[in-house]
Amino acid sequence: MKAGPKVTVIGAGSYFFGKQVIWKMVKSEYLRNGTLALVDTNPAVLDTMVKIAKRAIEASNAPTNLIFSTDRREVMKDSDFVILAFSGRNAFYRGIDTRISAKYGVTMCSSDTIGAGGIFRALREIPQVLDVARDVEKFAPDAWLINFINPTSVLGIALMRNASKIKSFALCDGNHLPYSRHHFMRCLGLVPDKADTKFNIKIAGINHCTWVTECSYEGKDMMGRFYDYVKREAAKEWETEPSKKAKPRLNMNYALQLFEVYGAFPTAVSHTKEYVPFFQGYGKTPVEPEPIIAFDAYNRDDEMKAAWSETELLANGTTPIEKFLCMDHGDHATDIVESMWADLGKPFFINGPNQGSVTNMPDDAFLELERNIDMNGFRAKPFGQMPRGLLGMQMQILDTHELTAEAAVTCDKSTLLKAMCTDPIINNIGDARNIMNELLEAEREALPVAWYKN
């Protein structure tokens, strides 16, 4: 085996991931002897990330080999891992998705995984993801292709259905072990320990719609205590002015509503509250705590610009590289890469086929599950049955995702309309058709020309 892996990052300037992979490559004893290949189609962005990487390599005295290009084909050859982290004009198009949907009474607080926002983001991203997959098959056929782009499940399904010759799985930055596990222990007043054997928690579902269905400590059921914790946190949200931002606003209150109905806790409630129709504002009875508010695309764009300004300060030396190197742990993707390469045997939550884990769902259902993983592949740990209620919800979402992936590949409007009408938060065929047609026109420059041939 090589001294270290070759890790190619496509979308090196990623808001969430670019700097983290640099940190992990130079800090990990298992990765620092490898090659880091940075790819970004924007030369200025690429130059900024390369400067950070060079400074980090020098400051940490790492033997890491750094290569880079605006053309992935120039640096991809013989990669062990290819990580997808790109996104074109993310906040801009999510803003369009949000505003046009809102005209027809459909509110999305994130606009990147469900509703028209999730569907159309998938239509924009899947053609590019499959293009990369074809290059991986040609230049790095033994590589693991890791999708770190939303909508995670839909893109993962597209790879599973249309790029079966390559090895792939999909990731989200939530449910990052062991940190998410320790977080839940602290929420329950428990102290994480190194042995980590007394605490049992079962989490499963579709990405951004995963649920804690069981929780115990030393064999004692803790779901009642978990409910009490959520109830206390929900009350605290009203003690000060609730956040005006869409994703974090009143999340524990929404979680409490869902917990009371399903007896389970949504681990990604900032997204899950958008997956269900209950908080849209339909019907006669007032929604508790309130109907969700729309994704604030302009604020998100401002946040990303501010974050990029900080990145530039790190690149030009204004911010000491030592401050960057003091991060306390890696991100989800690079922790998995490290564990796979070094055969560390650590479990992770990974999005992929069910593999029989959830016994009342199909084996190819694309789920976020705790899995063992190494260079030979991943194996889902047994979960058991998805509780009734949640089961129906999950299957409807999966149908939407499967139809979306099919529509993105075929550019077939009838399949796209079917996806829109299957989506859990679109409740009117006419609205679905109008949203679809208006978004196809508004996002013409970002979508394949095949959509416009008929």
Protein backbone atom coordinates (compact mmCIF):
# COMPACT_ATOMS: atom_id res chain seq x y z
CA MET A 1 0.00 0.00 0.00
CA LYS A 2 1.10 3.55 -0.70
CA ALA A 3 2.39 5.61 2.23
CA GLY A 4 -0.67 7.81 2.02
CA PRO A 5 -3.77 8.13 -0.15
CA LYS A 6 -4.40 10.43 -3.07
CA VAL A 7 -7.42 12.57 -2.22
CA THR A 8 -8.94 14.70 -4.96
CA VAL A 9 -11.36 17.44 -3.92
CA ILE A 10 -13.62 18.81 -6.64
CA GLY A 11 -14.89 22.13 -5.37
CA ALA A 12 -11.86 23.13 -3.32
CA GLY A 13 -13.41 26.46 -2.36
CA SER A 14 -16.38 24.78 -0.67
CA TYR A 15 -18.03 26.85 2.04
CA PHE A 16 -18.12 23.83 4.37
CA PHE A 17 -15.30 21.58 3.27
CA GLY A 18 -12.35 23.21 1.51
CA LYS A 19 -10.26 24.21 4.51
CA GLN A 20 -11.22 21.14 6.54
CA VAL A 21 -9.68 18.70 4.07
CA ILE A 22 -6.43 20.69 4.06
CA TRP A 23 -6.32 20.57 7.86
CA LYS A 24 -6.91 16.83 7.98
CA MET A 25 -4.37 16.02 5.28
CA VAL A 26 -1.54 17.79 7.09
CA LYS A 27 -2.52 16.79 10.63
CA SER A 28 -3.40 13.10 10.25
CA GLU A 29 -0.53 10.68 10.71
CA TYR A 30 -2.28 8.37 8.25
CA LEU A 31 -2.94 10.94 5.51
CA ARG A 32 -0.09 13.45 5.62
CA ASN A 33 2.20 11.27 3.50
CA GLY A 34 -0.35 11.26 0.70
CA THR A 35 -1.31 13.56 -2.16
CA LEU A 36 -3.91 16.29 -1.98
CA ALA A 37 -5.32 17.32 -5.37
CA LEU A 38 -7.36 20.53 -5.26
CA VAL A 39 -9.76 21.30 -8.11
CA ASP A 40 -11.88 24.38 -8.62
CA THR A 41 -13.09 25.84 -11.89
CA ASN A 42 -12.63 29.38 -10.55
CA PRO A 43 -8.89 30.21 -10.85
CA ALA A 44 -9.00 32.89 -8.13
CA VAL A 45 -10.73 30.56 -5.68
CA LEU A 46 -8.29 27.78 -6.47
CA ASP A 47 -5.33 30.10 -5.96
CA THR A 48 -6.63 31.10 -2.53
CA MET A 49 -7.04 27.50 -1.40
CA VAL A 50 -3.63 26.51 -2.75
CA LYS A 51 -2.01 29.33 -0.74
CA ILE A 52 -3.67 28.03 2.43
CA ALA A 53 -2.58 24.48 1.67
CA LYS A 54 1.01 25.53 1.05
CA ARG A 55 1.12 27.53 4.27
CA ALA A 56 -0.39 24.64 6.24
CA ILE A 57 2.04 22.10 4.77
CA GLU A 58 5.01 24.31 5.56
CA ALA A 59 3.89 25.25 9.07
CA SER A 60 3.18 21.64 10.04
CA ASN A 61 6.28 20.29 8.31
CA ALA A 62 4.08 17.77 6.51
CA PRO A 63 5.39 15.72 3.57
CA THR A 64 2.01 16.07 1.85
CA ASN A 65 2.24 16.33 -1.93
CA LEU A 66 0.04 19.16 -3.25
CA ILE A 67 -1.22 19.33 -6.82
CA PHE A 68 -3.99 21.48 -8.25
CA SER A 69 -5.82 22.42 -11.41
CA THR A 70 -8.99 24.00 -12.78
CA ASP A 71 -9.39 20.82 -14.88
CA ARG A 72 -10.09 17.75 -12.76
CA ARG A 73 -8.85 15.41 -15.50
CA GLU A 74 -5.32 16.79 -15.09
CA VAL A 75 -5.01 15.69 -11.46
CA MET A 76 -7.55 12.92 -10.92
CA LYS A 77 -5.54 9.97 -12.22
CA ASP A 78 -5.10 7.11 -9.75
CA SER A 79 -6.95 8.86 -6.93
CA ASP A 80 -7.96 6.73 -3.97
CA PHE A 81 -10.75 9.12 -3.01
CA VAL A 82 -12.63 11.72 -5.06
CA ILE A 83 -14.74 14.02 -2.93
CA LEU A 84 -17.47 16.16 -4.49
CA ALA A 85 -17.97 19.50 -2.75
CA PHE A 86 -18.88 21.90 -5.57
CA SER A 87 -22.00 23.97 -6.07
CA GLY A 88 -22.69 26.63 -8.67
CA ARG A 89 -24.26 29.88 -7.42
CA ASN A 90 -25.84 27.97 -4.57
CA ALA A 91 -27.66 30.72 -2.66
CA PHE A 92 -28.71 32.49 -5.87
CA TYR A 93 -30.60 29.55 -7.33
CA ARG A 94 -32.00 28.45 -3.99
CA GLY A 95 -33.41 31.96 -3.71
CA ILE A 96 -35.15 31.57 -7.07
CA ASP A 97 -36.52 28.18 -6.03
CA THR A 98 -37.82 29.67 -2.79
CA ARG A 99 -39.47 32.76 -4.27
CA ILE A 100 -41.27 31.00 -7.11
CA SER A 101 -42.51 28.22 -4.82
CA ALA A 102 -43.75 30.79 -2.30
CA LYS A 103 -45.97 32.33 -5.00
CA TYR A 104 -47.94 29.08 -4.89
CA GLY A 105 -48.06 28.67 -1.13
CA VAL A 106 -45.11 26.31 -0.74
CA THR A 107 -42.60 27.44 1.89
CA MET A 108 -39.07 26.05 2.13
CA CYS A 109 -36.74 27.05 4.96
CA SER A 110 -33.67 25.48 3.35
CA SER A 111 -34.61 24.90 -0.30
CA ASP A 112 -31.99 22.27 -0.97
CA THR A 113 -33.42 18.82 -0.20
CA ILE A 114 -37.21 18.64 -0.53
CA GLY A 115 -39.91 20.64 -2.27
CA ALA A 116 -39.16 22.35 -5.56
CA GLY A 117 -35.88 23.60 -4.09
CA GLY A 118 -34.56 20.11 -3.50
CA ILE A 119 -35.89 18.86 -6.82
CA PHE A 120 -34.39 21.66 -8.89
CA ARG A 121 -31.10 21.68 -7.07
CA ALA A 122 -30.84 18.01 -7.98
CA LEU A 123 -31.64 18.83 -11.62
CA ARG A 124 -28.78 21.32 -11.61
CA GLU A 125 -26.25 19.13 -9.80
CA ILE A 126 -26.86 15.57 -11.05
CA PRO A 127 -25.61 16.09 -14.63
CA GLN A 128 -22.32 17.44 -13.26
CA VAL A 129 -22.02 14.67 -10.68
CA LEU A 130 -22.52 11.99 -13.34
CA ASP A 131 -19.96 13.72 -15.57
CA VAL A 132 -17.44 13.43 -12.74
CA ALA A 133 -18.41 9.80 -12.22
CA ARG A 134 -17.59 9.05 -15.85
CA ASP A 135 -14.17 10.66 -15.38
CA VAL A 136 -13.59 8.64 -12.21
CA GLU A 137 -14.40 5.46 -14.10
CA LYS A 138 -11.85 6.43 -16.76
CA PHE A 139 -9.00 7.94 -14.72
CA ALA A 140 -9.39 6.49 -11.21
CA PRO A 141 -11.50 3.32 -11.48
CA ASP A 142 -10.45 2.07 -8.04
CA ALA A 143 -11.34 5.32 -6.24
CA TRP A 144 -14.15 5.83 -3.78
CA LEU A 145 -16.39 8.66 -5.00
CA ILE A 146 -17.83 10.50 -1.98
CA ASN A 147 -20.71 12.88 -2.60
CA PHE A 148 -20.79 15.77 -0.12
CA ILE A 149 -23.30 17.90 -2.05
CA ASN A 150 -26.99 18.46 -1.36
CA PRO A 151 -29.49 17.05 -1.96
CA THR A 152 -27.34 14.23 -0.60
CA SER A 153 -29.84 11.41 -1.00
CA VAL A 154 -30.96 12.32 -4.53
CA LEU A 155 -27.40 12.66 -5.80
CA GLY A 156 -26.46 9.42 -4.08
CA ILE A 157 -29.43 7.66 -5.70
CA ALA A 158 -28.39 9.03 -9.10
CA LEU A 159 -24.89 7.60 -8.64
CA MET A 160 -26.24 4.27 -7.40
CA ARG A 161 -28.63 3.93 -10.35
CA ASN A 162 -26.43 5.34 -13.14
CA ALA A 163 -22.79 4.83 -12.15
CA SER A 164 -22.78 1.30 -10.78
CA LYS A 165 -19.26 0.57 -12.04
CA ILE A 166 -17.73 2.93 -9.50
CA LYS A 167 -17.72 2.74 -5.71
CA SER A 168 -19.67 5.55 -4.12
CA PHE A 169 -21.58 6.74 -1.07
CA ALA A 170 -23.00 10.04 0.12
CA LEU A 171 -22.43 12.12 3.23
CA CYS A 172 -23.90 14.92 5.29
CA ASP A 173 -22.16 16.87 8.05
CA GLY A 174 -24.85 15.82 10.57
CA ASN A 175 -24.73 12.63 12.66
CA HIS A 176 -20.94 12.85 12.73
CA LEU A 177 -19.65 10.15 15.07
CA PRO A 178 -18.56 10.15 17.81
CA TYR A 179 -19.43 13.83 18.29
CA SER A 180 -23.18 13.57 17.63
CA ARG A 181 -23.42 10.59 19.98
CA HIS A 182 -21.63 12.51 22.73
CA HIS A 183 -23.87 15.52 22.10
CA PHE A 184 -26.98 13.44 22.75
CA MET A 185 -25.43 12.02 25.92
CA ARG A 186 -24.76 15.51 27.25
CA CYS A 187 -28.33 16.54 26.37
CA LEU A 188 -29.50 13.73 28.66
CA GLY A 189 -27.15 14.69 31.48
CA LEU A 190 -24.79 11.80 30.80
CA VAL A 191 -21.00 11.97 30.66
CA PRO A 192 -19.40 10.48 27.53
CA ASP A 193 -16.76 7.91 28.35
CA LYS A 194 -14.02 6.39 26.25
CA ALA A 195 -15.48 2.91 26.43
CA ASP A 196 -18.76 4.28 25.07
CA THR A 197 -20.60 1.00 25.65
CA LYS A 198 -23.31 1.92 28.16
CA PHE A 199 -25.23 4.28 25.87
CA ASN A 200 -27.40 2.89 23.10
CA ILE A 201 -29.06 5.12 20.52
CA LYS A 202 -30.78 4.09 17.31
CA ILE A 203 -30.88 6.59 14.44
CA ALA A 204 -32.03 5.98 10.89
CA GLY A 205 -33.87 7.59 8.01
CA ILE A 206 -33.37 9.55 4.84
CA ASN A 207 -30.76 12.28 4.95
CA HIS A 208 -32.12 15.40 6.68
CA CYS A 209 -35.04 13.28 7.89
CA THR A 210 -33.31 10.92 10.34
CA TRP A 211 -34.87 10.03 13.68
CA VAL A 212 -33.83 8.87 17.12
CA THR A 213 -36.30 6.03 17.67
CA GLU A 214 -34.68 4.36 20.71
CA CYS A 215 -32.32 5.54 23.42
CA SER A 216 -31.12 3.80 26.58
CA TYR A 217 -28.35 3.93 29.16
CA GLU A 218 -27.23 0.79 30.99
CA GLY A 219 -30.36 -0.88 29.65
CA LYS A 220 -32.73 1.81 31.01
CA ASP A 221 -35.01 3.49 28.46
CA MET A 222 -34.13 7.20 28.07
CA MET A 223 -36.75 8.35 25.56
CA GLY A 224 -38.86 9.89 28.31
CA ARG A 225 -35.87 11.89 29.51
CA PHE A 226 -35.14 12.82 25.89
CA TYR A 227 -38.70 14.16 25.51
CA ASP A 228 -38.34 16.19 28.73
CA TYR A 229 -35.09 17.69 27.40
CA VAL A 230 -36.77 18.73 24.13
CA LYS A 231 -39.70 20.23 26.03
CA ARG A 232 -37.35 22.32 28.22
CA GLU A 233 -35.35 23.51 25.23
CA ALA A 234 -38.53 24.42 23.36
CA ALA A 235 -39.63 26.62 26.28
CA LYS A 236 -36.22 28.34 26.34
CA GLU A 237 -36.63 29.42 22.71
CA TRP A 238 -39.37 31.81 23.81
CA GLU A 239 -37.34 33.34 26.64
CA THR A 240 -35.49 35.57 24.17
CA GLU A 241 -36.35 36.80 20.72
CA PRO A 242 -36.39 33.72 18.42
CA SER A 243 -33.92 33.72 15.56
CA LYS A 244 -35.15 35.56 12.48
CA LYS A 245 -33.27 33.13 10.23
CA ALA A 246 -35.37 30.42 8.63
CA LYS A 247 -33.37 27.28 9.36
CA PRO A 248 -32.66 27.70 13.11
CA ARG A 249 -35.93 29.44 14.04
CA LEU A 250 -37.86 27.65 16.83
CA ASN A 251 -36.40 24.27 15.93
CA MET A 252 -36.94 22.64 19.30
CA ASN A 253 -40.60 23.68 19.21
CA TYR A 254 -41.01 21.95 15.86
CA ALA A 255 -39.08 18.96 17.23
CA LEU A 256 -41.44 18.84 20.20
CA GLN A 257 -44.49 18.73 17.94
CA LEU A 258 -43.00 15.86 15.95
CA PHE A 259 -41.82 14.02 19.08
CA GLU A 260 -45.34 14.13 20.51
CA VAL A 261 -46.81 12.65 17.31
CA TYR A 262 -44.20 10.01 16.44
CA GLY A 263 -42.44 9.30 19.75
CA ALA A 264 -39.12 10.00 18.01
CA PHE A 265 -36.68 12.90 17.74
CA PRO A 266 -35.74 14.41 14.35
CA THR A 267 -31.94 14.80 14.38
CA ALA A 268 -31.94 17.42 11.59
CA VAL A 269 -35.04 19.37 12.52
CA SER A 270 -33.88 22.51 10.66
CA HIS A 271 -34.48 20.41 7.53
CA THR A 272 -37.11 17.93 8.73
CA LYS A 273 -39.57 20.73 9.51
CA GLU A 274 -39.42 21.45 5.77
CA TYR A 275 -39.95 17.78 4.79
CA VAL A 276 -43.41 17.55 6.34
CA PRO A 277 -46.62 19.36 5.34
CA PHE A 278 -47.65 20.12 8.92
CA PHE A 279 -45.79 23.42 9.25
CA GLN A 280 -46.67 24.88 5.86
CA GLY A 281 -49.72 26.73 7.15
CA TYR A 282 -52.37 24.66 5.34
CA GLY A 283 -55.75 24.04 6.99
CA LYS A 284 -57.93 25.91 9.45
CA THR A 285 -56.19 25.32 12.80
CA PRO A 286 -53.23 27.63 13.55
CA VAL A 287 -49.86 25.93 13.19
CA GLU A 288 -47.80 25.46 16.35
CA PRO A 289 -45.40 27.07 16.94
CA GLU A 290 -45.98 28.91 13.63
CA PRO A 291 -45.72 28.21 9.88
CA ILE A 292 -42.09 27.93 8.83
CA ILE A 293 -40.57 30.98 7.18
CA ALA A 294 -38.81 31.05 3.82
CA PHE A 295 -35.11 30.45 3.23
CA ASP A 296 -33.24 33.76 3.49
CA ALA A 297 -31.09 33.45 0.38
CA TYR A 298 -29.66 36.95 0.58
CA ASN A 299 -28.53 36.45 4.18
CA ARG A 300 -26.97 33.11 3.22
CA ASP A 301 -25.11 34.77 0.37
CA ASP A 302 -23.82 37.43 2.77
CA GLU A 303 -22.68 34.72 5.21
CA MET A 304 -20.79 32.91 2.48
CA LYS A 305 -19.11 36.10 1.33
CA ALA A 306 -18.07 36.91 4.91
CA ALA A 307 -16.69 33.39 5.35
CA TRP A 308 -14.76 33.73 2.11
CA SER A 309 -13.25 37.01 3.32
CA GLU A 310 -11.92 35.14 6.36
CA THR A 311 -10.53 32.47 4.04
CA GLU A 312 -8.68 35.11 2.05
CA LEU A 313 -7.15 36.52 5.24
CA LEU A 314 -5.84 33.06 6.02
CA ALA A 315 -4.44 32.69 2.52
CA ASN A 316 -2.60 36.02 2.47
CA GLY A 317 -1.07 35.56 5.91
CA THR A 318 -3.10 38.19 7.78
CA THR A 319 -4.57 35.40 9.89
CA PRO A 320 -1.78 33.21 11.33
CA ILE A 321 -1.82 29.70 9.91
CA GLU A 322 -1.24 28.43 13.47
CA LYS A 323 -4.77 29.54 14.34
CA PHE A 324 -6.09 27.37 11.54
CA LEU A 325 -3.97 24.40 12.57
CA CYS A 326 -5.42 24.52 16.11
CA MET A 327 -8.77 23.04 15.01
CA ASP A 328 -9.63 20.22 17.40
CA HIS A 329 -10.98 17.60 14.98
CA GLY A 330 -11.67 16.91 11.35
CA ASP A 331 -14.92 16.98 9.44
CA HIS A 332 -17.10 14.00 8.59
CA ALA A 333 -15.69 13.20 5.14
CA THR A 334 -12.02 13.35 6.05
CA ASP A 335 -12.56 11.39 9.26
CA ILE A 336 -14.09 8.65 7.13
CA VAL A 337 -11.25 8.81 4.59
CA GLU A 338 -8.72 8.48 7.41
CA SER A 339 -10.51 5.53 9.00
CA MET A 340 -10.96 3.74 5.68
CA TRP A 341 -7.35 4.20 4.61
CA ALA A 342 -5.83 3.23 7.97
CA ASP A 343 -8.40 0.49 8.67
CA LEU A 344 -9.26 2.08 12.03
CA GLY A 345 -12.59 0.26 12.27
CA LYS A 346 -14.61 3.32 13.28
CA PRO A 347 -18.37 3.38 12.57
CA PHE A 348 -19.93 6.30 10.71
CA PHE A 349 -23.33 7.44 9.48
CA ILE A 350 -23.24 7.02 5.73
CA ASN A 351 -25.90 7.40 3.05
CA GLY A 352 -26.27 4.34 0.87
CA PRO A 353 -28.55 1.37 0.17
CA ASN A 354 -30.41 -0.06 3.16
CA GLN A 355 -28.62 -3.43 2.95
CA GLY A 356 -31.34 -5.04 5.07
CA SER A 357 -30.72 -2.80 8.08
CA VAL A 358 -34.26 -1.39 8.28
CA THR A 359 -36.23 -4.58 7.98
CA ASN A 360 -39.52 -3.11 6.73
CA MET A 361 -37.95 -1.03 3.96
CA PRO A 362 -36.48 -2.19 0.61
CA ASP A 363 -32.83 -3.25 0.54
CA ASP A 364 -32.02 -0.53 -2.01
CA ALA A 365 -33.79 2.25 -0.09
CA PHE A 366 -31.19 5.03 0.13
CA LEU A 367 -30.84 5.67 3.86
CA GLU A 368 -28.53 7.36 6.34
CA LEU A 369 -27.46 4.54 8.65
CA GLU A 370 -24.65 3.72 11.05
CA ARG A 371 -22.21 1.53 9.15
CA ASN A 372 -18.85 -0.11 9.41
CA ILE A 373 -16.64 0.91 6.52
CA ASP A 374 -13.19 0.17 5.12
CA MET A 375 -11.53 0.23 1.70
CA ASN A 376 -13.54 -2.85 0.72
CA GLY A 377 -16.92 -1.22 1.31
CA PHE A 378 -19.57 -0.38 3.88
CA ARG A 379 -21.90 -2.60 5.85
CA ALA A 380 -25.00 -1.26 7.59
CA LYS A 381 -25.52 -2.17 11.23
CA PRO A 382 -28.87 -3.80 12.09
CA PHE A 383 -31.60 -1.27 12.92
CA GLY A 384 -34.88 -3.16 12.95
CA GLN A 385 -38.26 -1.79 11.89
CA MET A 386 -38.93 1.84 11.04
CA PRO A 387 -41.89 2.81 13.25
CA ARG A 388 -45.27 3.18 11.58
CA GLY A 389 -46.00 6.78 10.65
CA LEU A 390 -42.35 7.48 10.06
CA LEU A 391 -42.31 4.55 7.65
CA GLY A 392 -44.96 6.08 5.39
CA MET A 393 -43.25 9.46 5.52
CA GLN A 394 -39.90 7.94 4.56
CA MET A 395 -41.33 5.99 1.65
CA GLN A 396 -43.04 9.06 0.19
CA ILE A 397 -39.80 11.05 0.42
CA LEU A 398 -37.87 8.20 -1.19
CA ASP A 399 -40.37 8.06 -4.04
CA THR A 400 -39.88 11.80 -4.58
CA HIS A 401 -36.11 11.41 -4.55
CA GLU A 402 -36.14 8.42 -6.92
CA LEU A 403 -38.40 10.25 -9.38
CA THR A 404 -36.22 13.34 -9.16
CA ALA A 405 -33.08 11.36 -9.93
CA GLU A 406 -34.83 9.75 -12.91
CA ALA A 407 -36.06 13.11 -14.20
CA ALA A 408 -32.58 14.63 -13.93
CA VAL A 409 -31.14 11.85 -16.12
CA THR A 410 -33.94 11.65 -18.68
CA CYS A 411 -34.92 15.35 -18.81
CA ASP A 412 -38.49 14.10 -19.05
CA LYS A 413 -41.11 16.64 -17.97
CA SER A 414 -43.76 14.05 -17.20
CA THR A 415 -41.40 12.33 -14.74
CA LEU A 416 -40.51 15.71 -13.25
CA LEU A 417 -44.17 16.59 -12.78
CA LYS A 418 -44.70 13.22 -11.10
CA ALA A 419 -41.85 14.02 -8.71
CA MET A 420 -43.38 17.42 -7.95
CA CYS A 421 -46.78 15.87 -7.25
CA THR A 422 -45.30 13.12 -5.08
CA ASP A 423 -43.36 15.64 -2.99
CA PRO A 424 -44.87 15.84 0.53
CA ILE A 425 -45.18 19.63 0.69
CA ILE A 426 -46.73 20.30 -2.74
CA ASN A 427 -50.46 19.67 -2.46
CA ASN A 428 -51.95 20.93 -5.73
CA ILE A 429 -51.36 19.59 -9.24
CA GLY A 430 -51.81 23.00 -10.83
CA ASP A 431 -49.33 24.56 -8.40
CA ALA A 432 -46.87 21.74 -9.09
CA ARG A 433 -47.14 22.30 -12.85
CA ASN A 434 -46.81 26.09 -12.55
CA ILE A 435 -43.82 25.93 -10.19
CA MET A 436 -42.15 23.42 -12.50
CA ASN A 437 -42.67 25.48 -15.65
CA GLU A 438 -41.62 28.77 -14.06
CA LEU A 439 -38.46 27.27 -12.58
CA LEU A 440 -37.54 25.59 -15.87
CA GLU A 441 -37.70 28.99 -17.50
CA ALA A 442 -36.01 30.94 -14.68
CA GLU A 443 -33.09 28.50 -14.44
CA ARG A 444 -32.61 27.79 -18.13
CA GLU A 445 -28.91 28.73 -18.04
CA ALA A 446 -28.18 26.22 -15.27
CA LEU A 447 -30.05 23.22 -16.71
CA PRO A 448 -29.28 20.84 -19.59
CA VAL A 449 -30.58 21.96 -23.01
CA ALA A 450 -32.48 18.66 -23.30
CA TRP A 451 -35.17 20.13 -21.06
CA TYR A 452 -36.05 22.66 -23.75
CA LYS A 453 -36.13 20.51 -26.91
CA ASN A 454 -39.84 19.80 -26.72
